Amino acid sequence: MANQIFMRVNEVAEELGISIPFAYRIIRQMNEELAKTGCITIAGRIDRKFFHEKFYGTRSETERKEK
């Protein structure tokens, strides 16, 4: 699954060790954040790169604020 662009709710729940309903809530919050930047989102799915940036900090704080 790592070669797919989007993560589904089951994968998010498994990676974070949380319940499916809580994973939906987290995905919804992240999709709302993406939508504010003009991105098109899909309910129940989150961009893999964005997910890893948010949870594992793959970019520095200043880069996040600039983009």
N, C-alpha and C. Protein backbone atom coordinates (compact mmCIF):
# COMPACT_ATOMS: atom_id res chain seq x y z
N MET A 1 0.80 -1.21 0.00
CA MET A 1 0.00 0.00 0.00
C MET A 1 0.85 1.27 0.00
N ALA A 2 2.09 1.16 0.36
CA ALA A 2 2.94 2.34 0.47
C ALA A 2 3.15 3.04 -0.86
N ASN A 3 2.86 2.37 -1.99
CA ASN A 3 3.04 3.01 -3.29
C ASN A 3 1.80 3.78 -3.73
N GLN A 4 0.73 3.76 -2.96
CA GLN A 4 -0.49 4.50 -3.29
C GLN A 4 -0.41 5.92 -2.75
N ILE A 5 -1.05 6.85 -3.45
CA ILE A 5 -1.00 8.25 -3.05
C ILE A 5 -1.80 8.48 -1.78
N PHE A 6 -2.96 7.85 -1.67
CA PHE A 6 -3.84 8.09 -0.53
C PHE A 6 -3.81 6.95 0.49
N MET A 7 -3.96 7.31 1.73
CA MET A 7 -4.12 6.33 2.80
C MET A 7 -5.62 6.24 3.11
N ARG A 8 -6.11 5.04 3.30
CA ARG A 8 -7.50 4.85 3.71
C ARG A 8 -7.58 4.81 5.23
N VAL A 9 -8.77 4.89 5.73
CA VAL A 9 -8.98 5.00 7.17
C VAL A 9 -8.39 3.81 7.92
N ASN A 10 -8.49 2.61 7.36
CA ASN A 10 -7.95 1.43 8.04
C ASN A 10 -6.44 1.53 8.23
N GLU A 11 -5.78 2.04 7.21
CA GLU A 11 -4.33 2.18 7.28
C GLU A 11 -3.92 3.25 8.30
N VAL A 12 -4.66 4.35 8.33
CA VAL A 12 -4.38 5.40 9.32
C VAL A 12 -4.58 4.86 10.73
N ALA A 13 -5.67 4.15 10.96
CA ALA A 13 -5.96 3.58 12.28
C ALA A 13 -4.86 2.61 12.70
N GLU A 14 -4.43 1.77 11.79
CA GLU A 14 -3.40 0.78 12.10
C GLU A 14 -2.06 1.46 12.40
N GLU A 15 -1.68 2.44 11.58
CA GLU A 15 -0.39 3.09 11.76
C GLU A 15 -0.32 3.86 13.08
N LEU A 16 -1.44 4.47 13.48
CA LEU A 16 -1.46 5.26 14.71
C LEU A 16 -1.90 4.45 15.93
N GLY A 17 -2.41 3.25 15.70
CA GLY A 17 -2.88 2.43 16.82
C GLY A 17 -4.13 3.00 17.46
N ILE A 18 -5.06 3.48 16.62
CA ILE A 18 -6.29 4.10 17.12
C ILE A 18 -7.49 3.39 16.50
N SER A 19 -8.68 3.74 16.99
CA SER A 19 -9.90 3.13 16.47
C SER A 19 -10.26 3.73 15.11
N ILE A 20 -11.09 3.01 14.37
CA ILE A 20 -11.54 3.48 13.05
C ILE A 20 -12.31 4.81 13.17
N PRO A 21 -13.26 4.94 14.11
CA PRO A 21 -13.96 6.23 14.22
C PRO A 21 -13.02 7.41 14.51
N PHE A 22 -12.01 7.18 15.34
CA PHE A 22 -11.07 8.27 15.64
C PHE A 22 -10.21 8.58 14.42
N ALA A 23 -9.85 7.56 13.64
CA ALA A 23 -9.09 7.77 12.41
C ALA A 23 -9.90 8.61 11.43
N TYR A 24 -11.21 8.34 11.33
CA TYR A 24 -12.08 9.16 10.47
C TYR A 24 -12.04 10.62 10.92
N ARG A 25 -12.08 10.84 12.21
CA ARG A 25 -12.06 12.20 12.76
C ARG A 25 -10.75 12.92 12.39
N ILE A 26 -9.64 12.23 12.52
CA ILE A 26 -8.34 12.81 12.19
C ILE A 26 -8.26 13.11 10.69
N ILE A 27 -8.71 12.18 9.86
CA ILE A 27 -8.70 12.39 8.41
C ILE A 27 -9.58 13.59 8.06
N ARG A 28 -10.74 13.69 8.68
CA ARG A 28 -11.64 14.81 8.42
C ARG A 28 -10.96 16.14 8.75
N GLN A 29 -10.27 16.20 9.88
CA GLN A 29 -9.57 17.43 10.28
C GLN A 29 -8.46 17.78 9.29
N MET A 30 -7.69 16.79 8.88
CA MET A 30 -6.61 17.05 7.94
C MET A 30 -7.16 17.45 6.57
N ASN A 31 -8.27 16.82 6.14
CA ASN A 31 -8.88 17.19 4.86
C ASN A 31 -9.43 18.61 4.90
N GLU A 32 -9.96 19.03 6.04
CA GLU A 32 -10.43 20.41 6.17
C GLU A 32 -9.27 21.38 6.01
N GLU A 33 -8.13 21.04 6.60
CA GLU A 33 -6.94 21.87 6.48
C GLU A 33 -6.48 21.95 5.03
N LEU A 34 -6.48 20.82 4.34
CA LEU A 34 -6.10 20.81 2.92
C LEU A 34 -7.08 21.59 2.07
N ALA A 35 -8.37 21.46 2.36
CA ALA A 35 -9.40 22.17 1.58
C ALA A 35 -9.23 23.69 1.69
N LYS A 36 -8.79 24.17 2.85
CA LYS A 36 -8.58 25.61 3.03
C LYS A 36 -7.47 26.13 2.14
N THR A 37 -6.56 25.26 1.72
CA THR A 37 -5.47 25.67 0.83
C THR A 37 -5.85 25.50 -0.64
N GLY A 38 -7.09 25.06 -0.89
CA GLY A 38 -7.56 24.91 -2.26
C GLY A 38 -7.42 23.52 -2.83
N CYS A 39 -6.99 22.58 -2.03
CA CYS A 39 -6.84 21.20 -2.51
C CYS A 39 -8.20 20.51 -2.55
N ILE A 40 -8.34 19.60 -3.48
CA ILE A 40 -9.53 18.76 -3.54
C ILE A 40 -9.27 17.55 -2.64
N THR A 41 -10.24 17.20 -1.81
CA THR A 41 -10.06 16.09 -0.88
C THR A 41 -11.10 15.00 -1.14
N ILE A 42 -10.82 13.82 -0.62
CA ILE A 42 -11.73 12.68 -0.73
C ILE A 42 -12.04 12.21 0.69
N ALA A 43 -13.32 12.14 1.01
CA ALA A 43 -13.74 11.71 2.35
C ALA A 43 -13.20 10.31 2.65
N GLY A 44 -12.66 10.14 3.85
CA GLY A 44 -12.17 8.83 4.27
C GLY A 44 -10.79 8.49 3.76
N ARG A 45 -10.15 9.44 3.06
CA ARG A 45 -8.79 9.22 2.55
C ARG A 45 -7.97 10.48 2.77
N ILE A 46 -6.67 10.28 2.95
CA ILE A 46 -5.77 11.42 3.16
C ILE A 46 -4.51 11.19 2.34
N ASP A 47 -3.98 12.27 1.80
CA ASP A 47 -2.75 12.20 1.04
C ASP A 47 -1.63 11.66 1.95
N ARG A 48 -0.95 10.65 1.48
CA ARG A 48 0.08 9.97 2.28
C ARG A 48 1.20 10.93 2.69
N LYS A 49 1.66 11.75 1.74
CA LYS A 49 2.74 12.69 2.03
C LYS A 49 2.32 13.70 3.09
N PHE A 50 1.11 14.24 2.97
CA PHE A 50 0.61 15.21 3.95
C PHE A 50 0.49 14.56 5.33
N PHE A 51 -0.01 13.33 5.36
CA PHE A 51 -0.15 12.61 6.64
C PHE A 51 1.20 12.49 7.33
N HIS A 52 2.22 12.07 6.58
CA HIS A 52 3.53 11.90 7.18
C HIS A 52 4.16 13.23 7.59
N GLU A 53 3.88 14.28 6.84
CA GLU A 53 4.38 15.60 7.23
C GLU A 53 3.75 16.05 8.54
N LYS A 54 2.45 15.81 8.69
CA LYS A 54 1.74 16.24 9.91
C LYS A 54 2.15 15.41 11.13
N PHE A 55 2.31 14.11 10.97
CA PHE A 55 2.57 13.26 12.13
C PHE A 55 4.04 13.03 12.42
N TYR A 56 4.87 13.07 11.40
CA TYR A 56 6.27 12.74 11.62
C TYR A 56 7.21 13.90 11.33
N GLY A 57 6.64 15.06 10.97
CA GLY A 57 7.43 16.27 10.78
C GLY A 57 8.52 16.14 9.75
N THR A 58 8.16 15.70 8.55
CA THR A 58 9.18 15.52 7.53
C THR A 58 9.63 16.84 6.92
N ARG A 59 8.96 17.93 7.27
CA ARG A 59 9.40 19.27 6.86
C ARG A 59 9.63 20.09 8.12
N SER A 60 10.45 21.13 8.00
CA SER A 60 10.70 21.99 9.16
C SER A 60 9.51 22.92 9.38
N GLU A 61 9.41 23.49 10.57
CA GLU A 61 8.30 24.37 10.93
C GLU A 61 8.21 25.59 10.01
N THR A 62 9.36 26.18 9.64
CA THR A 62 9.34 27.36 8.78
C THR A 62 8.85 27.02 7.37
N GLU A 63 9.19 25.85 6.86
CA GLU A 63 8.70 25.45 5.55
C GLU A 63 7.20 25.28 5.57
N ARG A 64 6.65 24.75 6.65
CA ARG A 64 5.19 24.57 6.75
C ARG A 64 4.47 25.90 6.71
N LYS A 65 5.02 26.90 7.40
CA LYS A 65 4.36 28.20 7.45
C LYS A 65 4.44 28.94 6.12
N GLU A 66 5.51 28.72 5.36
CA GLU A 66 5.69 29.41 4.09
C GLU A 66 4.77 28.85 3.01
N LYS A 67 4.44 27.57 3.06
CA LYS A 67 3.66 26.94 1.98
C LYS A 67 2.20 26.98 2.24
